[in-house]
C-alpha cells in the first residue's frame, strides 16, 4: 500500500512540475506555439517555438 501511495505522490509531483514549466513558458512567450510530445501516454518533451516579427519599413527602400 505504501508503494502505491509513494507512486501516486510521485506522479502528482511530476504532473505539478510539468504544469509549472508549461505555465512559465506561456508567461514568457508573446507569439509562437508550445508543442507537447507524448509517448505511451506520458509527456516526454515540451518544445517552445517563438516567433519574432520584423517590421518592414518601406520608407528605407
PDB file of N, CA and C in Angstrom:
ATOM      1  N   UNK A   1       0.834  -1.199   0.000  1.00  0.00           N
ATOM      2  CA  UNK A   1       0.000   0.000   0.000  1.00  0.00           C
ATOM      3  C   UNK A   1       0.871   1.251   0.000  1.00  0.00           C
ATOM      4  N   UNK A   2       1.945   1.249   0.780  1.00  0.00           N
ATOM      5  CA  UNK A   2       2.825   2.411   0.849  1.00  0.00           C
ATOM      6  C   UNK A   2       3.470   2.695  -0.498  1.00  0.00           C
ATOM      7  N   UNK A   3       3.828   1.618  -1.229  1.00  0.00           N
ATOM      8  CA  UNK A   3       4.433   1.800  -2.548  1.00  0.00           C
ATOM      9  C   UNK A   3       3.467   2.510  -3.494  1.00  0.00           C
ATOM     10  N   UNK A   4       2.184   2.165  -3.425  1.00  0.00           N
ATOM     11  CA  UNK A   4       1.182   2.808  -4.283  1.00  0.00           C
ATOM     12  C   UNK A   4       1.028   4.273  -3.910  1.00  0.00           C
ATOM     13  N   UNK A   5       1.019   4.591  -2.635  1.00  0.00           N
ATOM     14  CA  UNK A   5       0.914   5.985  -2.186  1.00  0.00           C
ATOM     15  C   UNK A   5       2.126   6.771  -2.653  1.00  0.00           C
ATOM     16  N   UNK A   6       3.320   6.177  -2.530  1.00  0.00           N
ATOM     17  CA  UNK A   6       4.544   6.838  -2.995  1.00  0.00           C
ATOM     18  C   UNK A   6       4.497   7.070  -4.496  1.00  0.00           C
ATOM     19  N   UNK A   7       4.021   6.081  -5.259  1.00  0.00           N
ATOM     20  CA  UNK A   7       3.930   6.205  -6.716  1.00  0.00           C
ATOM     21  C   UNK A   7       2.935   7.295  -7.099  1.00  0.00           C
ATOM     22  N   UNK A   8       1.787   7.324  -6.407  1.00  0.00           N
ATOM     23  CA  UNK A   8       0.780   8.348  -6.685  1.00  0.00           C
ATOM     24  C   UNK A   8       1.322   9.741  -6.366  1.00  0.00           C
ATOM     25  N   UNK A   9       2.036   9.869  -5.266  1.00  0.00           N
ATOM     26  CA  UNK A   9       2.615  11.160  -4.889  1.00  0.00           C
ATOM     27  C   UNK A   9       3.645  11.600  -5.921  1.00  0.00           C
ATOM     28  N   UNK A  10       4.466  10.656  -6.399  1.00  0.00           N
ATOM     29  CA  UNK A  10       5.465  10.982  -7.412  1.00  0.00           C
ATOM     30  C   UNK A  10       4.793  11.455  -8.692  1.00  0.00           C
ATOM     31  N   UNK A  11       3.726  10.777  -9.124  1.00  0.00           N
ATOM     32  CA  UNK A  11       3.002  11.177 -10.336  1.00  0.00           C
ATOM     33  C   UNK A  11       2.400  12.567 -10.161  1.00  0.00           C
ATOM     34  N   UNK A  12       1.811  12.836  -9.004  1.00  0.00           N
ATOM     35  CA  UNK A  12       1.227  14.141  -8.734  1.00  0.00           C
ATOM     36  C   UNK A  12       2.298  15.220  -8.744  1.00  0.00           C
ATOM     37  N   UNK A  13       3.414  14.953  -8.087  1.00  0.00           N
ATOM     38  CA  UNK A  13       4.518  15.900  -8.034  1.00  0.00           C
ATOM     39  C   UNK A  13       5.063  16.174  -9.427  1.00  0.00           C
ATOM     40  N   UNK A  14       5.220  15.107 -10.219  1.00  0.00           N
ATOM     41  CA  UNK A  14       5.725  15.254 -11.586  1.00  0.00           C
ATOM     42  C   UNK A  14       4.726  16.033 -12.440  1.00  0.00           C
ATOM     43  N   UNK A  15       3.438  15.772 -12.290  1.00  0.00           N
ATOM     44  CA  UNK A  15       2.402  16.491 -13.038  1.00  0.00           C
ATOM     45  C   UNK A  15       2.409  17.975 -12.684  1.00  0.00           C
ATOM     46  N   UNK A  16       2.569  18.291 -11.413  1.00  0.00           N
ATOM     47  CA  UNK A  16       2.612  19.689 -10.983  1.00  0.00           C
ATOM     48  C   UNK A  16       3.846  20.386 -11.551  1.00  0.00           C
ATOM     49  N   UNK A  17       4.977  19.682 -11.599  1.00  0.00           N
ATOM     50  CA  UNK A  17       6.202  20.263 -12.158  1.00  0.00           C
ATOM     51  C   UNK A  17       6.030  20.544 -13.649  1.00  0.00           C
ATOM     52  N   UNK A  18       5.424  19.611 -14.370  1.00  0.00           N
ATOM     53  CA  UNK A  18       5.188  19.809 -15.801  1.00  0.00           C
ATOM     54  C   UNK A  18       4.241  20.980 -16.021  1.00  0.00           C
ATOM     55  N   UNK A  19       3.171  21.055 -15.248  1.00  0.00           N
ATOM     56  CA  UNK A  19       2.220  22.160 -15.365  1.00  0.00           C
ATOM     57  C   UNK A  19       2.899  23.493 -15.074  1.00  0.00           C
ATOM     58  N   UNK A  20       3.775  23.527 -14.089  1.00  0.00           N
ATOM     59  CA  UNK A  20       4.501  24.750 -13.744  1.00  0.00           C
ATOM     60  C   UNK A  20       5.428  25.169 -14.881  1.00  0.00           C
ATOM     61  N   UNK A  21       6.099  24.204 -15.487  1.00  0.00           N
ATOM     62  CA  UNK A  21       7.002  24.522 -16.606  1.00  0.00           C
ATOM     63  C   UNK A  21       6.221  25.084 -17.794  1.00  0.00           C
ATOM     64  N   UNK A  22       5.074  24.480 -18.108  1.00  0.00           N
ATOM     65  CA  UNK A  22       4.246  24.973 -19.208  1.00  0.00           C
ATOM     66  C   UNK A  22       3.748  26.372 -18.896  1.00  0.00           C
ATOM     67  N   UNK A  23       3.330  26.613 -17.668  1.00  0.00           N
ATOM     68  CA  UNK A  23       2.868  27.942 -17.254  1.00  0.00           C
ATOM     69  C   UNK A  23       3.971  28.980 -17.395  1.00  0.00           C
ATOM     70  N   UNK A  24       5.182  28.614 -16.999  1.00  0.00           N
ATOM     71  CA  UNK A  24       6.318  29.535 -17.117  1.00  0.00           C
ATOM     72  C   UNK A  24       6.607  29.864 -18.577  1.00  0.00           C
ATOM     73  N   UNK A  25       6.554  28.861 -19.431  1.00  0.00           N
ATOM     74  CA  UNK A  25       6.774  29.089 -20.863  1.00  0.00           C
ATOM     75  C   UNK A  25       5.705  30.021 -21.418  1.00  0.00           C
ATOM     76  N   UNK A  26       4.444  29.782 -21.050  1.00  0.00           N
ATOM     77  CA  UNK A  26       3.345  30.620 -21.534  1.00  0.00           C
ATOM     78  C   UNK A  26       3.505  32.079 -21.113  1.00  0.00           C
ATOM     79  N   UNK A  27       3.986  32.298 -19.903  1.00  0.00           N
ATOM     80  CA  UNK A  27       4.169  33.665 -19.418  1.00  0.00           C
ATOM     81  C   UNK A  27       5.294  34.378 -20.164  1.00  0.00           C
ATOM     82  N   UNK A  28       6.243  33.622 -20.699  1.00  0.00           N
ATOM     83  CA  UNK A  28       7.398  34.230 -21.341  1.00  0.00           C
ATOM     84  C   UNK A  28       7.327  34.321 -22.849  1.00  0.00           C
ATOM     85  N   UNK A  29       6.243  33.834 -23.443  1.00  0.00           N
ATOM     86  CA  UNK A  29       6.153  33.841 -24.901  1.00  0.00           C
ATOM     87  C   UNK A  29       5.080  34.826 -25.353  1.00  0.00           C
ATOM     88  N   UNK A  30       5.405  35.580 -26.372  1.00  0.00           N
ATOM     89  CA  UNK A  30       4.455  36.574 -26.871  1.00  0.00           C
ATOM     90  C   UNK A  30       3.739  36.079 -28.124  1.00  0.00           C
ATOM     91  N   UNK A  31       4.510  35.552 -29.079  1.00  0.00           N
ATOM     92  CA  UNK A  31       3.959  34.980 -30.303  1.00  0.00           C
ATOM     93  C   UNK A  31       4.647  33.645 -30.530  1.00  0.00           C
ATOM     94  N   UNK A  32       3.899  32.614 -30.816  1.00  0.00           N
ATOM     95  CA  UNK A  32       4.505  31.321 -31.087  1.00  0.00           C
ATOM     96  C   UNK A  32       3.607  30.185 -30.662  1.00  0.00           C
ATOM     97  N   UNK A  33       4.241  29.058 -30.377  1.00  0.00           N
ATOM     98  CA  UNK A  33       3.470  27.879 -30.007  1.00  0.00           C
ATOM     99  C   UNK A  33       4.275  27.008 -29.044  1.00  0.00           C
ATOM    100  N   UNK A  34       3.549  26.131 -28.363  1.00  0.00           N
ATOM    101  CA  UNK A  34       4.162  25.154 -27.473  1.00  0.00           C
ATOM    102  C   UNK A  34       3.692  23.786 -27.954  1.00  0.00           C
ATOM    103  N   UNK A  35       4.643  22.886 -28.153  1.00  0.00           N
ATOM    104  CA  UNK A  35       4.319  21.533 -28.597  1.00  0.00           C
ATOM    105  C   UNK A  35       4.652  20.562 -27.465  1.00  0.00           C
ATOM    106  N   UNK A  36       3.686  19.733 -27.127  1.00  0.00           N
ATOM    107  CA  UNK A  36       3.878  18.734 -26.070  1.00  0.00           C
ATOM    108  C   UNK A  36       3.928  17.365 -26.745  1.00  0.00           C
ATOM    109  N   UNK A  37       5.041  16.657 -26.560  1.00  0.00           N
ATOM    110  CA  UNK A  37       5.248  15.351 -27.183  1.00  0.00           C
ATOM    111  C   UNK A  37       4.927  14.270 -26.160  1.00  0.00           C
ATOM    112  N   UNK A  38       4.074  13.330 -26.558  1.00  0.00           N
ATOM    113  CA  UNK A  38       3.616  12.266 -25.668  1.00  0.00           C
ATOM    114  C   UNK A  38       4.001  10.907 -26.254  1.00  0.00           C
ATOM    115  N   UNK A  39       4.582  10.034 -25.426  1.00  0.00           N
ATOM    116  CA  UNK A  39       4.890   8.653 -25.804  1.00  0.00           C
ATOM    117  C   UNK A  39       4.289   7.748 -24.737  1.00  0.00           C
ATOM    118  N   UNK A  40       3.551   6.770 -25.169  1.00  0.00           N
ATOM    119  CA  UNK A  40       2.925   5.811 -24.255  1.00  0.00           C
ATOM    120  C   UNK A  40       2.118   6.500 -23.149  1.00  0.00           C
ATOM    121  N   UNK A  41       1.426   7.576 -23.510  1.00  0.00           N
ATOM    122  CA  UNK A  41       0.571   8.261 -22.551  1.00  0.00           C
ATOM    123  C   UNK A  41       1.293   9.169 -21.567  1.00  0.00           C
ATOM    124  N   UNK A  42       2.606   9.371 -21.761  1.00  0.00           N
ATOM    125  CA  UNK A  42       3.387  10.216 -20.847  1.00  0.00           C
ATOM    126  C   UNK A  42       4.044  11.349 -21.611  1.00  0.00           C
ATOM    127  N   UNK A  43       4.065  12.524 -21.023  1.00  0.00           N
ATOM    128  CA  UNK A  43       4.756  13.663 -21.626  1.00  0.00           C
ATOM    129  C   UNK A  43       6.251  13.414 -21.534  1.00  0.00           C
ATOM    130  N   UNK A  44       6.912  13.454 -22.688  1.00  0.00           N
ATOM    131  CA  UNK A  44       8.357  13.203 -22.710  1.00  0.00           C
ATOM    132  C   UNK A  44       9.150  14.418 -23.164  1.00  0.00           C
ATOM    133  N   UNK A  45       8.460  15.410 -23.750  1.00  0.00           N
ATOM    134  CA  UNK A  45       9.180  16.578 -24.278  1.00  0.00           C
ATOM    135  C   UNK A  45       8.225  17.742 -24.430  1.00  0.00           C
ATOM    136  N   UNK A  46       8.745  18.936 -24.176  1.00  0.00           N
ATOM    137  CA  UNK A  46       7.986  20.174 -24.394  1.00  0.00           C
ATOM    138  C   UNK A  46       8.857  21.075 -25.254  1.00  0.00           C
ATOM    139  N   UNK A  47       8.349  21.469 -26.435  1.00  0.00           N
ATOM    140  CA  UNK A  47       9.078  22.353 -27.341  1.00  0.00           C
ATOM    141  C   UNK A  47       8.395  23.715 -27.385  1.00  0.00           C
ATOM    142  N   UNK A  48       9.213  24.757 -27.355  1.00  0.00           N
ATOM    143  CA  UNK A  48       8.696  26.126 -27.486  1.00  0.00           C
ATOM    144  C   UNK A  48       9.191  26.684 -28.811  1.00  0.00           C
ATOM    145  N   UNK A  49       8.260  27.173 -29.607  1.00  0.00           N
ATOM    146  CA  UNK A  49       8.582  27.795 -30.879  1.00  0.00           C
ATOM    147  C   UNK A  49       8.127  29.251 -30.787  1.00  0.00           C
ATOM    148  N   UNK A  50       9.081  30.145 -30.744  1.00  0.00           N
ATOM    149  CA  UNK A  50       8.749  31.559 -30.588  1.00  0.00           C
ATOM    150  C   UNK A  50       9.005  32.290 -31.889  1.00  0.00           C
ATOM    151  N   UNK A  51       8.110  33.188 -32.223  1.00  0.00           N
ATOM    152  CA  UNK A  51       8.232  33.968 -33.452  1.00  0.00           C
ATOM    153  C   UNK A  51       8.518  35.426 -33.105  1.00  0.00           C
ATOM    154  N   UNK A  52       9.388  35.998 -33.864  1.00  0.00           N
ATOM    155  CA  UNK A  52       9.704  37.411 -33.723  1.00  0.00           C
ATOM    156  C   UNK A  52       9.366  38.099 -35.042  1.00  0.00           C
ATOM    157  N   UNK A  53       8.533  39.086 -34.980  1.00  0.00           N
ATOM    158  CA  UNK A  53       8.112  39.791 -36.185  1.00  0.00           C
ATOM    159  C   UNK A  53       9.050  40.977 -36.406  1.00  0.00           C
ATOM    160  N   UNK A  54       9.449  41.119 -37.655  1.00  0.00           N
ATOM    161  CA  UNK A  54      10.326  42.203 -38.050  1.00  0.00           C
ATOM    162  C   UNK A  54       9.492  43.202 -38.841  1.00  0.00           C
ATOM    163  N   UNK A  55       9.545  44.463 -38.416  1.00  0.00           N
ATOM    164  CA  UNK A  55       8.799  45.487 -39.154  1.00  0.00           C
ATOM    165  C   UNK A  55       9.442  45.703 -40.498  1.00  0.00           C
ATOM    166  N   UNK A  56       8.620  45.757 -41.516  1.00  0.00           N
ATOM    167  CA  UNK A  56       9.084  46.039 -42.851  1.00  0.00           C
ATOM    168  C   UNK A  56       8.849  47.519 -43.125  1.00  0.00           C
ATOM    169  N   UNK A  57       9.900  48.316 -43.003  1.00  0.00           N
ATOM    170  CA  UNK A  57       9.784  49.763 -43.211  1.00  0.00           C
ATOM    171  C   UNK A  57      10.041  50.081 -44.677  1.00  0.00           C
ATOM    172  N   UNK A  58       8.975  50.302 -45.443  1.00  0.00           N
ATOM    173  CA  UNK A  58       9.091  50.534 -46.883  1.00  0.00           C
ATOM    174  C   UNK A  58       9.720  51.890 -47.211  1.00  0.00           C
ATOM    175  N   UNK A  59       9.856  52.771 -46.245  1.00  0.00           N
ATOM    176  CA  UNK A  59      10.464  54.092 -46.485  1.00  0.00           C
ATOM    177  C   UNK A  59      11.961  53.988 -46.723  1.00  0.00           C
ATOM    178  N   UNK A  60      12.584  52.909 -46.327  1.00  0.00           N
ATOM    179  CA  UNK A  60      14.029  52.766 -46.498  1.00  0.00           C
ATOM    180  C   UNK A  60      14.389  52.135 -47.837  1.00  0.00           C
ATOM    181  N   UNK A  61      13.417  51.733 -48.630  1.00  0.00           N
ATOM    182  CA  UNK A  61      13.706  51.090 -49.929  1.00  0.00           C
ATOM    183  C   UNK A  61      13.901  52.100 -50.994  1.00  0.00           C
TER     184      UNK A  61
END
